Amino acid sequence: MSYAEHVVERFTPTGPNKVNYEATITDPVVYTRPWTIALSFNREPKFELTEAACHEEDNDLPHLKAIRDAARKK
């Protein structure tokens, strides 16, 4: 991937216990055309789907680890 990379991610609920994930990657420096990956996930009632964004010097990582640790203690 290069400086021109652009990624669009989509999480789509398709039923009470099913979520589809799709990511489309566009990078005209590296690829000749955009490409897409798609996966389907089953929801697990004992887990919570949380939003996470990756940024340099990500300050949310301790928060996400705390959520994970609290869930493991249950």
Protein backbone atom coordinates (compact mmCIF):
# COMPACT_ATOMS: atom_id res chain seq x y z
CA MET A 1 0.00 0.00 0.00
CA SER A 2 1.15 3.53 -0.66
CA TYR A 3 0.36 7.11 0.31
CA ALA A 4 -2.55 6.93 -2.17
CA GLU A 5 -4.28 4.05 -0.40
CA HIS A 6 -7.97 4.41 0.38
CA VAL A 7 -9.95 1.74 2.24
CA VAL A 8 -13.73 1.66 2.68
CA GLU A 9 -15.04 -0.84 5.24
CA ARG A 10 -18.67 -1.83 5.69
CA PHE A 11 -20.33 -3.90 8.41
CA THR A 12 -23.86 -4.89 7.36
CA PRO A 13 -26.28 -6.77 9.64
CA THR A 14 -28.01 -9.40 7.50
CA GLY A 15 -30.01 -11.13 10.22
CA PRO A 16 -30.35 -11.35 13.98
CA ASN A 17 -27.08 -13.28 14.31
CA LYS A 18 -25.22 -12.53 11.09
CA VAL A 19 -22.96 -9.63 10.02
CA ASN A 20 -21.33 -9.20 6.63
CA TYR A 21 -17.97 -7.42 6.38
CA GLU A 22 -16.69 -5.90 3.15
CA ALA A 23 -13.56 -3.85 2.49
CA THR A 24 -12.68 -2.20 -0.80
CA ILE A 25 -9.06 -1.15 -1.29
CA THR A 26 -8.11 1.48 -3.84
CA ASP A 27 -4.48 2.40 -4.44
CA PRO A 28 -3.67 3.58 -7.99
CA VAL A 29 0.04 3.58 -7.20
CA VAL A 30 0.10 -0.14 -6.35
CA TYR A 31 -2.96 -1.72 -8.01
CA THR A 32 -4.42 -1.41 -11.49
CA ARG A 33 -7.98 -1.40 -10.13
CA PRO A 34 -9.79 -1.46 -6.76
CA TRP A 35 -10.30 -4.83 -5.11
CA THR A 36 -12.76 -6.05 -2.51
CA ILE A 37 -12.75 -8.70 0.20
CA ALA A 38 -15.96 -9.91 1.82
CA LEU A 39 -16.56 -12.14 4.85
CA SER A 40 -19.61 -13.23 6.80
CA PHE A 41 -19.54 -13.48 10.60
CA ASN A 42 -21.89 -15.08 13.10
CA ARG A 43 -22.67 -12.94 16.11
CA GLU A 44 -21.78 -14.33 19.50
CA PRO A 45 -24.21 -13.10 22.17
CA LYS A 46 -21.52 -13.05 24.85
CA PHE A 47 -19.33 -10.61 22.86
CA GLU A 48 -19.87 -6.96 22.00
CA LEU A 49 -18.90 -5.53 18.61
CA THR A 50 -17.00 -2.31 19.30
CA GLU A 51 -15.77 0.29 16.88
CA ALA A 52 -12.03 0.81 16.70
CA ALA A 53 -10.08 3.20 14.53
CA CYS A 54 -6.38 2.87 13.87
CA HIS A 55 -4.48 6.13 14.14
CA GLU A 56 -0.89 6.94 14.80
CA GLU A 57 -0.32 7.26 18.52
CA ASP A 58 -3.70 5.61 19.02
CA ASN A 59 -4.88 6.63 22.48
CA ASP A 60 -7.92 4.34 22.41
CA LEU A 61 -5.88 1.13 22.72
CA PRO A 62 -5.86 1.15 26.58
CA HIS A 63 -9.66 1.61 26.51
CA LEU A 64 -10.10 -1.36 24.14
CA LYS A 65 -7.82 -3.53 26.29
CA ALA A 66 -9.87 -2.59 29.37
CA ILE A 67 -13.07 -3.69 27.60
CA ARG A 68 -11.42 -6.96 26.62
CA ASP A 69 -10.13 -7.60 30.14
CA ALA A 70 -13.51 -6.83 31.72
CA ALA A 71 -15.23 -9.24 29.31
CA ARG A 72 -12.73 -11.98 30.14
CA LYS A 73 -13.45 -11.62 33.87
CA LYS A 74 -17.18 -12.29 33.38
